[in-house]
Amino acid sequence: MKKAILLLFVSTFFMLGNAQDTVSTKVPSIGFKLGMLDFKKTNATDNLTKMVPYAGLQFFKGINPNMDLMLNLDIASLKYPYYVSKRVPESKSSQYYFAIDANVNFKLSTDDKKVVPYLTAGVGVGTDHGSYYTAYAPVGAGLQFKANQGSFINIASSYRAELSPLTKMHFAHSVSYTYPLKLRDKKPVMIPAAPVVADADDDGVSGDADDCPNKAGLAKYHGCPIPDSDDDGVNDENDQCPNVAGTVKYHGCPVPDKDKDGIDDEADKCPNQKGVDRYQGCPIPDSDNDGINDEEDQCPNLAGIIGNHGCANLQPMIDRFSSNLKFASGKTLLTKQLLAGLDSIVVVMNAYPNMSLAIGGHTDNTGTLKINQKLSEQRALTVSTYLIKKGIAIKRVTTLGYADKRPIADNKTLEGRAKNRRTDIIVLY
């Protein structure tokens, strides 16, 4: 989490320090926005689909004509939907949620156009009432509409990918209005100079025909050099992406991202598979190939099922080993032959150290409730004592007596009462 926060602020100041001061580069601007946070279902047991309104502030600073730095501060009131498997206490009431992120907007045109589509990517961190922190990577797109006096209206949507175990994937949709902190100076009144027919730059274009009289250029560009619209060092005649800043290696285009995961191919160890930044562009691993990634799998090295958070379903096996734990009427002891069946349960518990057992004792309906309650507790204790003697830690075994409140057969018959004098063993993960 600390690394994510450090990356956020380092990247912010780096881009501020390297921003170009040109006429067509966006001046520092402040914006106000309203939007919705869209938390959606992310696993088989999650029924969440929730839209939460939020408000925020934005700061824009041009890096070059086709690239802007954008900072966002978002505020909302919500019950943050943490993953259950992370054992974070479930919110009982709405708390203030603050999120801050830094993004780079890659514009497909320049700010002098009425409508400019753009792509955005960055890194951010949110906090739920200052109690927990959630890092995320916003990736999205938007439209910029030119307004008056250098102001803009932005409509944007972003996918906030998970960068920490507590982060819940969600979308953010917003509309904002930004206004420059300082209006551009009015163009000075130009006093026409006396016409001089000259070719100071010796490029063969002279007089009023030369739009760049102090720079050698070409006649096809009215005496100016071949333009470089995106200021990437590759002139437009050789630039395959003349309106998007790129590199010489890719003929003026940006470094490609074939799998569209926000990580360019030169930094992506899995360029053909969508991944996340913390795994160098590769998907979150699934070591045991059970369909549950290691960050959500409580048994990452043993194949399991979603219902048990990636651990195997051991209950049927435990039921089979404990099916003969039946007691004589009024008795709390089991024969050595019956107790020996618990040895198989010991083997299973040693193989799955994250597993615990809840042992419940039961009686038939003969006798008083007070007697049956004590009798059922002692029967559960008989089983737990045997397991503990076999080396199972006491903290992994809990006992509870149910008296005759949970019969599994008819107490009106001898056979039914015999089935009800038992112990049940429930697997806990």
Protein backbone atom coordinates (compact mmCIF):
# COMPACT_ATOMS: atom_id res chain seq x y z
CA MET A 1 0.00 0.00 0.00
CA LYS A 2 2.83 2.43 0.87
CA LYS A 3 4.46 1.68 -2.49
CA ALA A 4 1.22 2.50 -4.33
CA ILE A 5 0.88 5.85 -2.49
CA LEU A 6 4.56 6.68 -3.16
CA LEU A 7 4.15 5.84 -6.86
CA LEU A 8 1.08 8.11 -7.02
CA PHE A 9 2.90 11.20 -5.72
CA VAL A 10 6.26 10.53 -7.43
CA SER A 11 4.56 10.18 -10.81
CA THR A 12 2.55 13.36 -10.15
CA PHE A 13 5.58 15.55 -9.42
CA PHE A 14 7.61 13.96 -12.22
CA MET A 15 4.98 14.88 -14.80
CA LEU A 16 4.58 18.38 -13.36
CA GLY A 17 8.30 18.92 -13.57
CA ASN A 18 8.50 17.75 -17.19
CA ALA A 19 5.42 19.61 -18.49
CA GLN A 20 6.11 21.78 -21.55
CA ASP A 21 5.10 25.43 -21.57
CA THR A 22 3.72 25.93 -25.08
CA VAL A 23 0.85 27.95 -26.48
CA SER A 24 -1.23 24.87 -27.34
CA THR A 25 -0.58 23.07 -24.04
CA LYS A 26 -3.40 23.25 -21.47
CA VAL A 27 -2.80 25.79 -18.69
CA PRO A 28 -3.33 24.75 -15.03
CA SER A 29 -7.08 24.39 -14.45
CA ILE A 30 -9.36 23.49 -11.55
CA GLY A 31 -12.54 21.48 -12.02
CA PHE A 32 -15.63 20.35 -10.15
CA LYS A 33 -17.32 17.04 -10.93
CA LEU A 34 -20.29 14.85 -10.06
CA GLY A 35 -20.58 11.16 -10.81
CA MET A 36 -21.47 7.63 -9.84
CA LEU A 37 -19.33 4.78 -8.49
CA ASP A 38 -20.52 1.44 -9.88
CA PHE A 39 -19.60 -1.59 -7.73
CA LYS A 40 -20.49 -4.83 -9.51
CA LYS A 41 -20.37 -8.59 -8.87
CA THR A 42 -16.78 -9.90 -8.77
CA ASN A 43 -17.10 -13.52 -7.58
CA ALA A 44 -19.57 -16.39 -7.37
CA THR A 45 -20.86 -15.53 -3.89
CA ASP A 46 -21.12 -11.77 -4.33
CA ASN A 47 -24.62 -10.45 -5.10
CA LEU A 48 -23.56 -6.78 -5.09
CA THR A 49 -24.62 -4.37 -7.82
CA LYS A 50 -24.62 -0.86 -6.41
CA MET A 51 -24.46 2.70 -7.81
CA VAL A 52 -23.13 5.30 -5.35
CA PRO A 53 -23.11 9.06 -6.09
CA TYR A 54 -19.95 11.03 -5.44
CA ALA A 55 -18.51 14.52 -5.85
CA GLY A 56 -14.97 15.62 -6.47
CA LEU A 57 -12.31 18.12 -7.48
CA GLN A 58 -10.00 17.92 -10.48
CA PHE A 59 -6.72 19.57 -11.42
CA PHE A 60 -5.43 19.64 -15.02
CA LYS A 61 -1.96 20.60 -16.26
CA GLY A 62 -0.84 20.18 -19.86
CA ILE A 63 2.23 18.05 -20.50
CA ASN A 64 2.18 18.62 -24.25
CA PRO A 65 -0.58 19.44 -26.76
CA ASN A 66 -1.80 15.81 -26.81
CA MET A 67 -1.18 14.84 -23.21
CA ASP A 68 -2.55 16.24 -19.92
CA LEU A 69 -1.87 15.44 -16.28
CA MET A 70 -5.16 14.99 -14.36
CA LEU A 71 -5.46 14.75 -10.56
CA ASN A 72 -8.74 13.65 -8.95
CA LEU A 73 -10.02 13.91 -5.39
CA ASP A 74 -13.31 12.00 -4.91
CA ILE A 75 -15.61 12.02 -1.87
CA ALA A 76 -18.55 9.67 -1.28
CA SER A 77 -20.60 8.17 1.55
CA LEU A 78 -20.88 4.39 1.27
CA LYS A 79 -20.48 0.97 2.88
CA TYR A 80 -17.30 -0.12 1.16
CA PRO A 81 -17.84 -3.70 -0.13
CA TYR A 82 -14.66 -5.47 0.96
CA TYR A 83 -14.02 -9.05 -0.04
CA VAL A 84 -15.44 -11.42 2.61
CA SER A 85 -12.39 -13.67 2.41
CA LYS A 86 -10.16 -10.84 3.68
CA ARG A 87 -11.90 -10.94 7.10
CA VAL A 88 -12.56 -7.18 7.14
CA PRO A 89 -15.52 -6.30 9.42
CA GLU A 90 -18.67 -5.66 7.39
CA SER A 91 -19.78 -2.01 7.54
CA LYS A 92 -22.93 -1.45 9.55
CA SER A 93 -23.44 2.10 8.30
CA SER A 94 -22.15 4.37 5.55
CA GLN A 95 -18.71 5.93 6.05
CA TYR A 96 -16.93 8.72 4.21
CA TYR A 97 -14.84 7.35 1.35
CA PHE A 98 -12.00 9.46 -0.04
CA ALA A 99 -10.02 8.58 -3.18
CA ILE A 100 -7.13 10.39 -4.85
CA ASP A 101 -5.49 9.42 -8.12
CA ALA A 102 -3.10 10.75 -10.72
CA ASN A 103 -3.73 10.09 -14.40
CA VAL A 104 -2.31 10.90 -17.80
CA ASN A 105 -4.91 11.77 -20.47
CA PHE A 106 -3.82 10.84 -24.02
CA LYS A 107 -5.83 13.14 -26.29
CA LEU A 108 -6.60 12.12 -29.85
CA SER A 109 -6.56 15.79 -30.91
CA THR A 110 -5.55 19.17 -29.47
CA ASP A 111 -7.45 21.62 -27.26
CA ASP A 112 -8.31 23.95 -30.14
CA LYS A 113 -10.87 21.40 -31.39
CA LYS A 114 -14.50 21.60 -30.20
CA VAL A 115 -14.63 17.93 -29.17
CA VAL A 116 -11.55 15.91 -28.18
CA PRO A 117 -11.76 12.20 -27.32
CA TYR A 118 -9.08 10.90 -24.97
CA LEU A 119 -7.85 7.82 -23.15
CA THR A 120 -6.76 7.97 -19.51
CA ALA A 121 -4.68 5.77 -17.22
CA GLY A 122 -3.15 6.22 -13.81
CA VAL A 123 -2.85 5.00 -10.24
CA GLY A 124 -4.79 5.89 -7.10
CA VAL A 125 -5.62 5.02 -3.52
CA GLY A 126 -8.86 5.21 -1.53
CA THR A 127 -9.58 5.18 2.19
CA ASP A 128 -12.68 4.11 4.08
CA HIS A 129 -12.99 6.62 6.97
CA GLY A 130 -9.21 6.36 7.42
CA SER A 131 -9.54 2.73 8.59
CA TYR A 132 -8.51 0.77 5.50
CA TYR A 133 -6.70 1.69 2.29
CA THR A 134 -7.44 0.39 -1.20
CA ALA A 135 -5.08 0.90 -4.14
CA TYR A 136 -6.45 0.87 -7.67
CA ALA A 137 -5.48 1.62 -11.27
CA PRO A 138 -8.04 3.73 -13.20
CA VAL A 139 -8.14 3.07 -16.94
CA GLY A 140 -10.80 4.65 -19.14
CA ALA A 141 -11.87 7.10 -21.81
CA GLY A 142 -13.69 10.39 -22.11
CA LEU A 143 -14.78 13.31 -24.24
CA GLN A 144 -13.59 16.91 -23.75
CA PHE A 145 -15.91 19.71 -24.98
CA LYS A 146 -14.46 23.17 -25.48
CA ALA A 147 -16.31 25.96 -23.64
CA ASN A 148 -15.61 29.71 -23.21
CA GLN A 149 -12.42 31.40 -21.98
CA GLY A 150 -10.32 28.26 -21.92
CA SER A 151 -12.77 26.19 -19.87
CA PHE A 152 -13.85 22.64 -20.71
CA ILE A 153 -16.61 20.13 -19.98
CA ASN A 154 -15.47 16.53 -19.52
CA ILE A 155 -17.56 13.36 -19.66
CA ALA A 156 -15.56 10.31 -18.60
CA SER A 157 -15.81 6.69 -17.49
CA SER A 158 -13.03 4.60 -15.99
CA TYR A 159 -12.49 1.05 -14.81
CA ARG A 160 -10.72 1.02 -11.46
CA ALA A 161 -8.69 -2.17 -11.40
CA GLU A 162 -7.58 -3.79 -8.16
CA LEU A 163 -4.03 -3.05 -6.91
CA SER A 164 -4.40 -4.33 -3.32
CA PRO A 165 -6.15 -7.25 -1.57
CA LEU A 166 -8.86 -5.00 -0.07
CA THR A 167 -9.68 -3.20 -3.32
CA LYS A 168 -13.08 -3.91 -4.88
CA MET A 169 -13.13 -3.56 -8.65
CA HIS A 170 -15.57 -0.86 -9.77
CA PHE A 171 -16.34 1.73 -12.42
CA ALA A 172 -16.44 5.52 -12.05
CA HIS A 173 -18.59 7.71 -14.32
CA SER A 174 -18.46 11.52 -14.08
CA VAL A 175 -19.26 14.89 -15.62
CA SER A 176 -17.01 17.84 -14.76
CA TYR A 177 -16.47 21.51 -15.58
CA THR A 178 -12.92 22.91 -15.51
CA TYR A 179 -11.82 26.53 -15.58
CA PRO A 180 -8.26 27.85 -16.02
CA LEU A 181 -6.57 29.28 -12.95
CA LYS A 182 -5.20 32.06 -15.15
CA LEU A 183 -6.76 33.29 -18.39
CA ARG A 184 -4.54 33.47 -21.44
CA ASP A 185 -3.12 36.91 -22.25
CA LYS A 186 -4.81 38.67 -25.13
CA LYS A 187 -2.86 38.60 -28.33
CA PRO A 188 -0.93 41.85 -28.72
CA VAL A 189 -1.89 44.16 -31.56
CA MET A 190 0.63 43.68 -34.32
CA ILE A 191 1.87 46.78 -36.09
CA PRO A 192 2.43 45.89 -39.72
CA ALA A 193 6.03 46.30 -40.76
CA ALA A 194 7.14 47.76 -44.00
CA PRO A 195 7.22 45.07 -46.65
CA VAL A 196 10.69 43.69 -47.20
CA VAL A 197 11.36 41.20 -49.91
CA ALA A 198 14.11 39.05 -48.43
CA ASP A 199 14.99 35.44 -47.75
CA ALA A 200 16.76 35.63 -44.39
CA ASP A 201 16.75 31.86 -43.83
CA ASP A 202 17.93 31.10 -47.37
CA ASP A 203 15.30 28.41 -47.95
CA GLY A 204 14.16 29.64 -51.35
CA VAL A 205 10.89 31.12 -49.99
CA SER A 206 11.01 34.88 -49.53
CA GLY A 207 8.91 37.82 -48.51
CA ASP A 208 5.28 37.39 -47.46
CA ALA A 209 5.26 33.83 -48.85
CA ASP A 210 7.55 32.67 -46.01
CA ASP A 211 5.50 31.98 -42.84
CA CYS A 212 8.74 31.10 -41.01
CA PRO A 213 11.21 33.71 -42.22
CA ASN A 214 13.84 32.84 -39.59
CA LYS A 215 13.71 29.06 -40.06
CA ALA A 216 14.71 27.20 -43.18
CA GLY A 217 11.76 25.26 -44.52
CA LEU A 218 10.02 23.97 -47.62
CA ALA A 219 7.81 25.70 -50.15
CA LYS A 220 5.01 23.09 -49.59
CA TYR A 221 4.84 24.28 -45.97
CA HIS A 222 5.07 28.01 -46.88
CA GLY A 223 8.71 28.26 -45.86
CA CYS A 224 8.30 26.38 -42.56
CA PRO A 225 9.98 23.10 -41.56
CA ILE A 226 8.04 19.85 -41.86
CA PRO A 227 5.64 19.99 -38.88
CA ASP A 228 5.63 17.64 -35.88
CA SER A 229 2.03 17.90 -34.67
CA ASP A 230 2.46 15.68 -31.60
CA ASP A 231 5.92 17.03 -30.62
CA ASP A 232 7.44 13.56 -30.39
CA GLY A 233 10.53 14.29 -32.47
CA VAL A 234 9.23 12.48 -35.57
CA ASN A 235 8.02 14.86 -38.31
CA ASP A 236 4.52 14.33 -39.73
CA GLU A 237 5.77 12.94 -43.06
CA ASN A 238 7.54 10.08 -41.26
CA ASP A 239 5.09 9.79 -38.35
CA GLN A 240 2.54 6.97 -38.65
CA CYS A 241 0.66 8.45 -35.66
CA PRO A 242 1.04 12.20 -36.27
CA ASN A 243 -1.52 13.23 -33.63
CA VAL A 244 -0.35 10.92 -30.83
CA ALA A 245 3.11 11.27 -29.29
CA GLY A 246 5.25 8.18 -29.83
CA THR A 247 8.82 7.02 -30.33
CA VAL A 248 11.23 6.77 -33.26
CA LYS A 249 11.38 2.98 -32.77
CA TYR A 250 7.65 2.67 -33.50
CA HIS A 251 7.64 5.27 -36.34
CA GLY A 252 6.11 7.99 -34.20
CA CYS A 253 3.49 5.76 -32.56
CA PRO A 254 3.32 4.93 -28.82
CA VAL A 255 4.74 1.65 -27.53
CA PRO A 256 1.97 -0.89 -28.35
CA ASP A 257 -0.21 -2.65 -25.77
CA LYS A 258 -1.57 -5.69 -27.63
CA ASP A 259 -3.61 -7.09 -24.71
CA LYS A 260 -5.05 -3.66 -23.76
CA ASP A 261 -4.23 -4.04 -20.07
CA GLY A 262 -2.67 -0.60 -19.68
CA ILE A 263 0.91 -1.96 -19.60
CA ASP A 264 2.90 -1.41 -22.78
CA ASP A 265 4.45 -4.45 -24.45
CA GLU A 266 8.04 -3.51 -23.59
CA ALA A 267 7.22 -3.64 -19.85
CA ASP A 268 4.64 -6.46 -20.15
CA LYS A 269 5.91 -9.99 -19.36
CA CYS A 270 2.63 -11.41 -20.73
CA PRO A 271 1.97 -9.14 -23.75
CA ASN A 272 -0.76 -11.42 -25.14
CA GLN A 273 -2.71 -11.82 -21.87
CA LYS A 274 -4.44 -9.09 -19.89
CA GLY A 275 -2.80 -8.71 -16.51
CA VAL A 276 -2.08 -6.27 -13.70
CA ASP A 277 0.85 -4.04 -12.93
CA ARG A 278 1.93 -5.85 -9.73
CA TYR A 279 2.48 -9.01 -11.77
CA GLN A 280 4.36 -7.18 -14.57
CA GLY A 281 1.38 -7.36 -16.90
CA CYS A 282 0.55 -11.03 -16.24
CA PRO A 283 -2.75 -12.28 -14.75
CA ILE A 284 -2.97 -13.01 -11.02
CA PRO A 285 -1.56 -16.56 -10.70
CA ASP A 286 -3.58 -19.65 -9.78
CA SER A 287 -0.93 -22.03 -8.41
CA ASP A 288 -3.26 -24.99 -7.88
CA ASN A 289 -5.26 -24.49 -11.12
CA ASP A 290 -8.61 -24.62 -9.33
CA GLY A 291 -10.03 -21.51 -10.99
CA ILE A 292 -9.51 -19.30 -7.90
CA ASN A 293 -6.56 -16.91 -8.08
CA ASP A 294 -3.92 -16.99 -5.35
CA GLU A 295 -4.98 -13.64 -3.86
CA GLU A 296 -8.45 -15.03 -3.06
CA ASP A 297 -7.44 -18.68 -2.47
CA GLN A 298 -7.02 -19.60 1.21
CA CYS A 299 -5.46 -22.91 0.09
CA PRO A 300 -3.36 -21.68 -2.88
CA ASN A 301 -1.31 -24.88 -3.20
CA LEU A 302 -4.20 -27.38 -2.95
CA ALA A 303 -7.06 -27.42 -5.48
CA GLY A 304 -10.43 -26.60 -3.96
CA ILE A 305 -13.82 -25.03 -4.63
CA ILE A 306 -15.15 -21.46 -4.58
CA GLY A 307 -17.57 -22.20 -1.74
CA ASN A 308 -14.64 -22.99 0.57
CA HIS A 309 -12.51 -20.05 -0.63
CA GLY A 310 -10.25 -22.31 -2.70
CA CYS A 311 -9.98 -25.13 -0.14
CA ALA A 312 -11.20 -28.68 -0.74
CA ASN A 313 -14.72 -29.71 0.38
CA LEU A 314 -13.76 -32.00 3.26
CA GLN A 315 -17.19 -32.31 4.88
CA PRO A 316 -18.31 -35.51 3.05
CA MET A 317 -15.07 -37.25 4.07
CA ILE A 318 -15.43 -36.17 7.73
CA ASP A 319 -19.09 -37.29 7.73
CA ARG A 320 -18.02 -40.75 6.55
CA PHE A 321 -15.34 -41.12 9.23
CA SER A 322 -17.66 -39.93 12.03
CA SER A 323 -20.83 -41.80 11.01
CA ASN A 324 -20.42 -44.49 13.72
CA LEU A 325 -20.07 -42.15 16.71
CA LYS A 326 -23.25 -43.43 18.47
CA PHE A 327 -23.73 -43.74 22.26
CA ALA A 328 -25.63 -46.13 24.51
CA SER A 329 -28.57 -44.64 26.40
CA GLY A 330 -27.35 -42.39 29.22
CA LYS A 331 -23.66 -43.03 28.36
CA THR A 332 -20.86 -40.63 27.38
CA LEU A 333 -18.12 -43.09 26.46
CA LEU A 334 -17.33 -44.79 23.15
CA THR A 335 -15.60 -48.10 22.59
CA LYS A 336 -11.99 -48.13 21.40
CA GLN A 337 -13.19 -49.59 18.13
CA LEU A 338 -15.49 -46.62 17.49
CA LEU A 339 -12.90 -44.07 18.62
CA ALA A 340 -10.34 -45.61 16.28
CA GLY A 341 -12.39 -44.25 13.37
CA LEU A 342 -11.31 -40.77 14.50
CA ASP A 343 -7.71 -41.56 13.52
CA SER A 344 -8.62 -40.91 9.89
CA ILE A 345 -9.94 -37.47 10.88
CA VAL A 346 -6.58 -36.75 12.58
CA VAL A 347 -4.79 -37.56 9.30
CA VAL A 348 -7.05 -35.15 7.38
CA MET A 349 -6.52 -32.35 9.93
CA ASN A 350 -2.75 -32.75 9.71
CA ALA A 351 -2.96 -32.50 5.91
CA TYR A 352 -5.13 -29.34 6.08
CA PRO A 353 -3.72 -27.11 8.85
CA ASN A 354 -6.22 -24.33 8.08
CA MET A 355 -9.15 -26.62 8.95
CA SER A 356 -10.90 -26.65 12.35
CA LEU A 357 -13.76 -28.78 13.71
CA ALA A 358 -16.98 -27.94 15.54
CA ILE A 359 -18.17 -31.03 17.50
CA GLY A 360 -21.82 -31.17 18.54
CA GLY A 361 -23.20 -33.68 21.06
CA HIS A 362 -26.82 -34.94 20.92
CA THR A 363 -29.26 -37.10 22.96
CA ASP A 364 -32.63 -38.73 22.47
CA ASN A 365 -35.71 -37.26 24.19
CA THR A 366 -35.66 -39.51 27.24
CA GLY A 367 -34.78 -37.74 30.48
CA THR A 368 -35.02 -34.10 31.51
CA LEU A 369 -33.62 -31.20 29.47
CA LYS A 370 -31.09 -30.41 32.21
CA ILE A 371 -29.74 -33.96 32.22
CA ASN A 372 -29.74 -34.19 28.41
CA GLN A 373 -27.90 -30.90 28.07
CA LYS A 374 -25.04 -32.03 30.29
CA LEU A 375 -25.03 -35.48 28.66
CA SER A 376 -24.74 -33.97 25.13
CA GLU A 377 -21.87 -31.70 26.19
CA GLN A 378 -19.97 -34.65 27.70
CA ARG A 379 -20.45 -36.69 24.50
CA ALA A 380 -18.94 -33.88 22.40
CA LEU A 381 -16.09 -33.65 24.92
CA THR A 382 -15.39 -37.39 24.56
CA VAL A 383 -14.65 -36.96 20.85
CA SER A 384 -12.65 -33.72 21.24
CA THR A 385 -10.53 -35.21 24.04
CA TYR A 386 -9.53 -38.12 21.80
CA LEU A 387 -8.53 -35.79 18.94
CA ILE A 388 -6.47 -33.57 21.26
CA LYS A 389 -4.66 -36.61 22.69
CA LYS A 390 -3.76 -37.55 19.11
CA GLY A 391 -1.91 -34.25 18.71
CA ILE A 392 -4.57 -31.87 17.34
CA ALA A 393 -4.21 -28.35 18.80
CA ILE A 394 -6.98 -27.54 21.30
CA LYS A 395 -7.71 -24.24 19.51
CA ARG A 396 -8.71 -26.20 16.40
CA VAL A 397 -11.53 -28.08 18.17
CA THR A 398 -14.70 -26.57 19.67
CA THR A 399 -17.56 -28.43 21.40
CA LEU A 400 -21.23 -27.70 22.00
CA GLY A 401 -24.13 -29.73 23.44
CA TYR A 402 -27.57 -29.61 21.81
CA ALA A 403 -29.46 -32.01 24.16
CA ASP A 404 -32.40 -33.46 22.19
CA LYS A 405 -33.09 -30.27 20.16
CA ARG A 406 -31.72 -31.55 16.83
CA PRO A 407 -32.99 -35.11 16.23
CA ILE A 408 -32.21 -36.82 12.92
CA ALA A 409 -34.67 -39.69 13.48
CA ASP A 410 -38.02 -40.37 15.16
CA ASN A 411 -37.64 -40.50 18.97
CA LYS A 412 -40.80 -42.65 19.20
CA THR A 413 -38.88 -45.78 18.16
CA LEU A 414 -35.87 -47.54 19.67
CA GLU A 415 -34.06 -47.36 16.33
CA GLY A 416 -34.73 -43.63 15.99
CA ARG A 417 -33.54 -42.86 19.54
CA ALA A 418 -30.35 -44.86 18.91
CA LYS A 419 -29.58 -42.70 15.84
CA ASN A 420 -30.14 -39.50 17.83
CA ARG A 421 -27.59 -40.46 20.56
CA ARG A 422 -24.64 -39.23 18.50
CA THR A 423 -22.00 -36.61 17.81
CA ASP A 424 -21.78 -34.50 14.62
CA ILE A 425 -18.50 -33.05 13.32
CA ILE A 426 -18.64 -29.89 11.15
CA VAL A 427 -15.63 -28.67 9.16
CA LEU A 428 -14.64 -25.03 9.60
CA TYR A 429 -12.16 -23.27 7.27
